[in-house]
């Protein structure tokens, strides 16, 4: 079901997609924070959080087990071993009265916490 407040999802060459709002905010951060050359967006998962796993979203250099893909001109790194947990995940950015920040819509999550920053699969 689609609502008027949903941002369009951009074409992705990898397992994770971004909405237009998320891509715009990532570009804003890259510009405002002067992210160094060679650093690109990292999406991942790690143990912890109230539901068992937490999302990783930041800027990093490419590592040994990373896959690299592009979403709307944004280079994204993700550890291949995280694919099991993140395949099909959509990253959005909310800037409203109820929430502000990046959100994750993960079809692999069997449970999520109330804040949406952790999940179990």
N, C-alpha and C. Protein backbone atom coordinates (compact mmCIF):
# COMPACT_ATOMS: atom_id res chain seq x y z
N UNK A 1 0.84 -1.17 0.00
CA UNK A 1 0.00 0.00 0.00
C UNK A 1 0.89 1.23 0.00
N UNK A 2 0.59 2.19 -0.84
CA UNK A 2 1.40 3.39 -0.97
C UNK A 2 0.65 4.59 -0.43
N UNK A 3 1.41 5.49 0.20
CA UNK A 3 0.80 6.73 0.68
C UNK A 3 1.51 7.89 0.04
N UNK A 4 0.92 9.08 0.12
CA UNK A 4 1.48 10.26 -0.49
C UNK A 4 2.79 10.68 0.17
N UNK A 5 3.05 10.23 1.40
CA UNK A 5 4.26 10.64 2.10
C UNK A 5 5.45 9.75 1.80
N UNK A 6 5.25 8.66 1.08
CA UNK A 6 6.35 7.77 0.75
C UNK A 6 7.20 8.38 -0.35
N UNK A 7 8.51 8.27 -0.21
CA UNK A 7 9.43 8.75 -1.23
C UNK A 7 9.65 7.67 -2.26
N UNK A 8 9.87 8.05 -3.51
CA UNK A 8 10.14 7.03 -4.52
C UNK A 8 11.44 6.30 -4.21
N UNK A 9 11.45 5.01 -4.54
CA UNK A 9 12.64 4.19 -4.33
C UNK A 9 13.49 4.30 -5.59
N UNK A 10 14.79 4.54 -5.42
CA UNK A 10 15.69 4.71 -6.55
C UNK A 10 16.20 3.36 -7.03
N UNK A 11 16.58 3.29 -8.29
CA UNK A 11 17.13 2.06 -8.87
C UNK A 11 18.44 1.70 -8.18
N UNK A 12 18.58 0.45 -7.78
CA UNK A 12 19.78 -0.02 -7.10
C UNK A 12 20.39 -1.18 -7.89
N UNK A 13 21.71 -1.25 -7.93
CA UNK A 13 22.39 -2.38 -8.55
C UNK A 13 22.76 -3.43 -7.50
N UNK A 14 22.31 -3.25 -6.26
CA UNK A 14 22.68 -4.15 -5.17
C UNK A 14 21.49 -4.59 -4.36
N UNK A 15 21.76 -5.21 -3.22
CA UNK A 15 20.71 -5.80 -2.39
C UNK A 15 19.94 -4.78 -1.54
N UNK A 16 20.45 -3.56 -1.41
CA UNK A 16 19.82 -2.54 -0.59
C UNK A 16 19.45 -1.36 -1.48
N UNK A 17 18.28 -0.77 -1.23
CA UNK A 17 17.86 0.39 -2.02
C UNK A 17 17.71 1.61 -1.13
N UNK A 18 17.69 2.77 -1.75
CA UNK A 18 17.50 4.04 -1.06
C UNK A 18 16.30 4.74 -1.66
N UNK A 19 15.57 5.47 -0.82
CA UNK A 19 14.54 6.34 -1.36
C UNK A 19 15.22 7.62 -1.84
N UNK A 20 14.50 8.41 -2.61
CA UNK A 20 15.04 9.69 -3.08
C UNK A 20 15.38 10.59 -1.89
N UNK A 21 14.55 10.56 -0.84
CA UNK A 21 14.84 11.38 0.35
C UNK A 21 16.12 10.95 1.03
N UNK A 22 16.34 9.64 1.14
CA UNK A 22 17.56 9.13 1.77
C UNK A 22 18.78 9.52 0.95
N UNK A 23 18.72 9.37 -0.37
CA UNK A 23 19.84 9.73 -1.23
C UNK A 23 20.16 11.22 -1.11
N UNK A 24 19.14 12.04 -1.08
CA UNK A 24 19.34 13.49 -0.94
C UNK A 24 20.02 13.82 0.39
N UNK A 25 19.58 13.21 1.47
CA UNK A 25 20.17 13.48 2.78
C UNK A 25 21.61 12.95 2.85
N UNK A 26 21.88 11.82 2.24
CA UNK A 26 23.25 11.30 2.21
C UNK A 26 24.16 12.26 1.47
N UNK A 27 23.70 12.79 0.34
CA UNK A 27 24.50 13.78 -0.40
C UNK A 27 24.71 15.04 0.44
N UNK A 28 23.69 15.48 1.16
CA UNK A 28 23.82 16.65 2.03
C UNK A 28 24.88 16.41 3.10
N UNK A 29 24.87 15.24 3.71
CA UNK A 29 25.85 14.90 4.75
C UNK A 29 27.25 14.85 4.16
N UNK A 30 27.38 14.21 3.01
CA UNK A 30 28.69 14.11 2.37
C UNK A 30 29.28 15.49 2.08
N UNK A 31 28.44 16.40 1.67
CA UNK A 31 28.89 17.75 1.36
C UNK A 31 29.20 18.54 2.63
N UNK A 32 28.30 18.48 3.61
CA UNK A 32 28.45 19.27 4.84
C UNK A 32 29.60 18.78 5.70
N UNK A 33 29.84 17.48 5.71
CA UNK A 33 30.87 16.90 6.59
C UNK A 33 32.20 16.68 5.87
N UNK A 34 32.26 17.07 4.59
CA UNK A 34 33.50 16.90 3.81
C UNK A 34 34.08 15.49 3.95
N UNK A 35 33.28 14.51 3.58
CA UNK A 35 33.70 13.11 3.65
C UNK A 35 34.92 12.93 2.72
N UNK A 36 36.02 12.38 3.23
CA UNK A 36 37.25 12.26 2.42
C UNK A 36 37.10 11.35 1.20
N UNK A 37 37.93 11.58 0.20
CA UNK A 37 37.97 10.71 -0.98
C UNK A 37 38.24 9.28 -0.54
N UNK A 38 37.61 8.34 -1.22
CA UNK A 38 37.81 6.93 -0.89
C UNK A 38 36.83 6.41 0.15
N UNK A 39 36.10 7.31 0.80
CA UNK A 39 35.07 6.90 1.77
C UNK A 39 33.72 6.98 1.09
N UNK A 40 32.92 5.93 1.28
CA UNK A 40 31.60 5.87 0.68
C UNK A 40 30.62 5.35 1.72
N UNK A 41 29.35 5.32 1.36
CA UNK A 41 28.31 4.90 2.29
C UNK A 41 28.46 3.42 2.62
N UNK A 42 28.38 3.09 3.90
CA UNK A 42 28.38 1.69 4.36
C UNK A 42 27.03 1.40 4.99
N UNK A 43 26.43 0.29 4.54
CA UNK A 43 25.19 -0.22 5.12
C UNK A 43 25.52 -1.61 5.65
N UNK A 44 25.06 -1.90 6.85
CA UNK A 44 25.35 -3.21 7.41
C UNK A 44 24.49 -3.52 8.62
N UNK A 45 24.86 -4.59 9.29
CA UNK A 45 24.18 -5.02 10.50
C UNK A 45 25.23 -5.52 11.47
N UNK A 46 24.95 -5.37 12.76
CA UNK A 46 25.85 -5.89 13.79
C UNK A 46 25.02 -6.39 14.95
N UNK A 47 25.59 -7.26 15.73
CA UNK A 47 24.91 -7.78 16.91
C UNK A 47 24.70 -6.68 17.93
N UNK A 48 23.55 -6.69 18.58
CA UNK A 48 23.24 -5.69 19.60
C UNK A 48 21.89 -5.05 19.33
N UNK A 49 21.48 -4.21 20.21
CA UNK A 49 20.17 -3.58 20.07
C UNK A 49 19.12 -4.39 20.80
N UNK A 50 17.99 -3.79 21.03
CA UNK A 50 16.97 -4.45 21.84
C UNK A 50 16.29 -5.62 21.12
N UNK A 51 16.44 -5.73 19.80
CA UNK A 51 15.85 -6.86 19.08
C UNK A 51 16.89 -7.86 18.59
N UNK A 52 18.16 -7.67 18.94
CA UNK A 52 19.19 -8.63 18.60
C UNK A 52 20.24 -8.14 17.62
N UNK A 53 19.85 -7.34 16.63
CA UNK A 53 20.80 -6.81 15.66
C UNK A 53 20.49 -5.33 15.45
N UNK A 54 21.53 -4.55 15.14
CA UNK A 54 21.37 -3.13 14.86
C UNK A 54 21.86 -2.84 13.45
N UNK A 55 21.27 -1.82 12.85
CA UNK A 55 21.70 -1.39 11.52
C UNK A 55 22.95 -0.53 11.63
N UNK A 56 23.79 -0.61 10.61
CA UNK A 56 24.97 0.23 10.47
C UNK A 56 24.74 1.13 9.26
N UNK A 57 24.96 2.42 9.43
CA UNK A 57 24.88 3.36 8.32
C UNK A 57 25.92 4.43 8.59
N UNK A 58 26.91 4.54 7.73
CA UNK A 58 27.96 5.51 7.93
C UNK A 58 28.85 5.58 6.70
N UNK A 59 30.01 6.19 6.85
CA UNK A 59 30.95 6.32 5.73
C UNK A 59 32.23 5.60 6.10
N UNK A 60 32.77 4.87 5.12
CA UNK A 60 33.90 3.99 5.40
C UNK A 60 34.64 3.71 4.09
N UNK A 61 35.84 3.14 4.23
CA UNK A 61 36.60 2.65 3.08
C UNK A 61 36.16 1.21 2.79
N UNK A 62 36.43 0.78 1.57
CA UNK A 62 36.10 -0.59 1.18
C UNK A 62 36.99 -1.57 1.94
N UNK A 63 36.39 -2.68 2.38
CA UNK A 63 37.09 -3.72 3.12
C UNK A 63 37.11 -5.02 2.32
N UNK A 64 37.85 -5.99 2.83
CA UNK A 64 38.10 -7.24 2.12
C UNK A 64 36.83 -7.98 1.69
N UNK A 65 35.83 -8.10 2.54
CA UNK A 65 34.64 -8.89 2.24
C UNK A 65 33.48 -8.06 1.70
N UNK A 66 33.75 -6.83 1.30
CA UNK A 66 32.68 -5.94 0.86
C UNK A 66 32.25 -6.20 -0.57
N UNK A 67 30.96 -6.02 -0.79
CA UNK A 67 30.45 -5.89 -2.14
C UNK A 67 30.23 -4.40 -2.34
N UNK A 68 30.32 -3.96 -3.56
CA UNK A 68 30.15 -2.55 -3.89
C UNK A 68 29.04 -2.43 -4.91
N UNK A 69 28.12 -1.51 -4.69
CA UNK A 69 27.05 -1.26 -5.65
C UNK A 69 26.72 0.22 -5.64
N UNK A 70 25.93 0.64 -6.60
CA UNK A 70 25.63 2.06 -6.77
C UNK A 70 24.13 2.28 -6.74
N UNK A 71 23.72 3.31 -6.02
CA UNK A 71 22.32 3.73 -5.99
C UNK A 71 22.30 5.21 -6.32
N UNK A 72 21.75 5.56 -7.46
CA UNK A 72 21.61 6.97 -7.89
C UNK A 72 22.94 7.72 -7.78
N UNK A 73 24.02 7.09 -8.22
CA UNK A 73 25.33 7.73 -8.20
C UNK A 73 26.06 7.66 -6.87
N UNK A 74 25.44 7.07 -5.85
CA UNK A 74 26.06 6.93 -4.53
C UNK A 74 26.67 5.54 -4.43
N UNK A 75 27.98 5.48 -4.20
CA UNK A 75 28.65 4.20 -4.01
C UNK A 75 28.34 3.68 -2.62
N UNK A 76 27.93 2.42 -2.55
CA UNK A 76 27.53 1.80 -1.28
C UNK A 76 28.38 0.55 -1.07
N UNK A 77 28.90 0.38 0.15
CA UNK A 77 29.61 -0.82 0.55
C UNK A 77 28.76 -1.60 1.53
N UNK A 78 28.79 -2.92 1.40
CA UNK A 78 28.13 -3.79 2.36
C UNK A 78 28.92 -5.09 2.44
N UNK A 79 29.22 -5.52 3.64
CA UNK A 79 29.90 -6.79 3.84
C UNK A 79 29.00 -7.89 3.27
N UNK A 80 29.57 -8.74 2.42
CA UNK A 80 28.80 -9.82 1.79
C UNK A 80 28.08 -10.69 2.81
N UNK A 81 28.68 -10.84 3.98
CA UNK A 81 28.09 -11.69 5.02
C UNK A 81 26.83 -11.09 5.61
N UNK A 82 26.57 -9.80 5.38
CA UNK A 82 25.37 -9.15 5.90
C UNK A 82 24.19 -9.29 4.94
N UNK A 83 24.46 -9.78 3.73
CA UNK A 83 23.41 -9.92 2.74
C UNK A 83 22.24 -10.75 3.21
N UNK A 84 22.51 -11.79 3.97
CA UNK A 84 21.46 -12.66 4.49
C UNK A 84 20.44 -11.86 5.30
N UNK A 85 20.91 -10.86 6.03
CA UNK A 85 20.04 -10.07 6.90
C UNK A 85 19.44 -8.85 6.21
N UNK A 86 20.12 -8.35 5.16
CA UNK A 86 19.73 -7.05 4.59
C UNK A 86 19.17 -7.11 3.18
N UNK A 87 19.16 -8.27 2.53
CA UNK A 87 18.67 -8.38 1.17
C UNK A 87 17.26 -7.80 1.05
N UNK A 88 17.09 -6.84 0.15
CA UNK A 88 15.78 -6.23 -0.08
C UNK A 88 15.46 -5.07 0.84
N UNK A 89 16.38 -4.68 1.72
CA UNK A 89 16.13 -3.59 2.66
C UNK A 89 16.09 -2.25 1.93
N UNK A 90 15.15 -1.41 2.32
CA UNK A 90 15.05 -0.06 1.78
C UNK A 90 15.37 0.93 2.89
N UNK A 91 16.29 1.86 2.59
CA UNK A 91 16.67 2.91 3.53
C UNK A 91 15.92 4.17 3.12
N UNK A 92 15.25 4.79 4.08
CA UNK A 92 14.51 6.03 3.85
C UNK A 92 15.01 7.07 4.83
N UNK A 93 14.62 8.30 4.61
CA UNK A 93 14.94 9.39 5.54
C UNK A 93 13.64 10.11 5.87
N UNK A 94 13.36 10.23 7.15
CA UNK A 94 12.16 10.91 7.63
C UNK A 94 12.54 12.24 8.25
N UNK A 95 11.79 13.26 7.98
CA UNK A 95 12.04 14.58 8.55
C UNK A 95 10.69 15.20 8.91
N UNK A 96 10.01 14.56 9.84
CA UNK A 96 8.68 15.00 10.21
C UNK A 96 8.55 15.27 11.69
N UNK A 97 7.33 15.51 12.12
CA UNK A 97 7.06 15.80 13.52
C UNK A 97 7.27 14.58 14.41
N UNK A 98 6.94 13.40 13.90
CA UNK A 98 7.04 12.19 14.71
C UNK A 98 8.41 11.54 14.71
N UNK A 99 9.18 11.78 13.66
CA UNK A 99 10.49 11.13 13.57
C UNK A 99 11.40 11.93 12.65
N UNK A 100 12.69 11.87 12.95
CA UNK A 100 13.68 12.46 12.07
C UNK A 100 14.89 11.54 12.05
N UNK A 101 15.31 11.17 10.87
CA UNK A 101 16.47 10.31 10.72
C UNK A 101 16.23 9.22 9.70
N UNK A 102 17.22 8.38 9.56
CA UNK A 102 17.14 7.28 8.60
C UNK A 102 16.33 6.13 9.19
N UNK A 103 15.52 5.51 8.35
CA UNK A 103 14.72 4.37 8.74
C UNK A 103 15.01 3.22 7.79
N UNK A 104 14.74 2.00 8.24
CA UNK A 104 15.03 0.81 7.47
C UNK A 104 13.77 -0.03 7.35
N UNK A 105 13.41 -0.38 6.12
CA UNK A 105 12.30 -1.29 5.89
C UNK A 105 12.92 -2.60 5.40
N UNK A 106 12.96 -3.58 6.30
CA UNK A 106 13.69 -4.82 6.05
C UNK A 106 12.71 -5.99 5.96
N UNK A 107 12.56 -6.58 4.77
CA UNK A 107 11.63 -7.71 4.63
C UNK A 107 12.10 -8.97 5.35
N UNK A 108 13.36 -9.03 5.77
CA UNK A 108 13.90 -10.20 6.46
C UNK A 108 13.70 -10.14 7.97
N UNK A 109 13.32 -8.99 8.48
CA UNK A 109 13.16 -8.82 9.92
C UNK A 109 11.92 -9.56 10.41
N UNK A 110 12.11 -10.41 11.41
CA UNK A 110 10.97 -11.11 12.00
C UNK A 110 10.41 -10.32 13.17
N UNK A 111 11.21 -9.41 13.71
CA UNK A 111 10.78 -8.52 14.80
C UNK A 111 11.64 -7.26 14.75
N UNK A 112 11.06 -6.14 15.11
CA UNK A 112 11.80 -4.89 15.18
C UNK A 112 11.49 -4.20 16.50
N UNK A 113 12.38 -3.31 16.90
CA UNK A 113 12.13 -2.56 18.13
C UNK A 113 11.24 -1.36 17.80
N UNK A 114 10.75 -0.69 18.81
CA UNK A 114 9.87 0.45 18.62
C UNK A 114 10.54 1.60 17.89
N UNK A 115 11.83 1.79 18.07
CA UNK A 115 12.51 2.91 17.42
C UNK A 115 12.94 2.56 16.00
N UNK A 116 12.91 1.28 15.62
CA UNK A 116 13.24 0.88 14.27
C UNK A 116 14.72 0.75 13.98
N UNK A 117 15.57 0.88 15.00
CA UNK A 117 17.01 0.81 14.74
C UNK A 117 17.58 -0.58 15.00
N UNK A 118 16.78 -1.50 15.49
CA UNK A 118 17.27 -2.87 15.66
C UNK A 118 16.20 -3.86 15.21
N UNK A 119 16.65 -5.08 14.94
CA UNK A 119 15.75 -6.09 14.38
C UNK A 119 16.28 -7.48 14.72
N UNK A 120 15.45 -8.47 14.48
CA UNK A 120 15.89 -9.86 14.53
C UNK A 120 15.44 -10.51 13.22
N UNK A 121 16.20 -11.50 12.79
CA UNK A 121 15.88 -12.14 11.51
C UNK A 121 15.93 -13.65 11.69
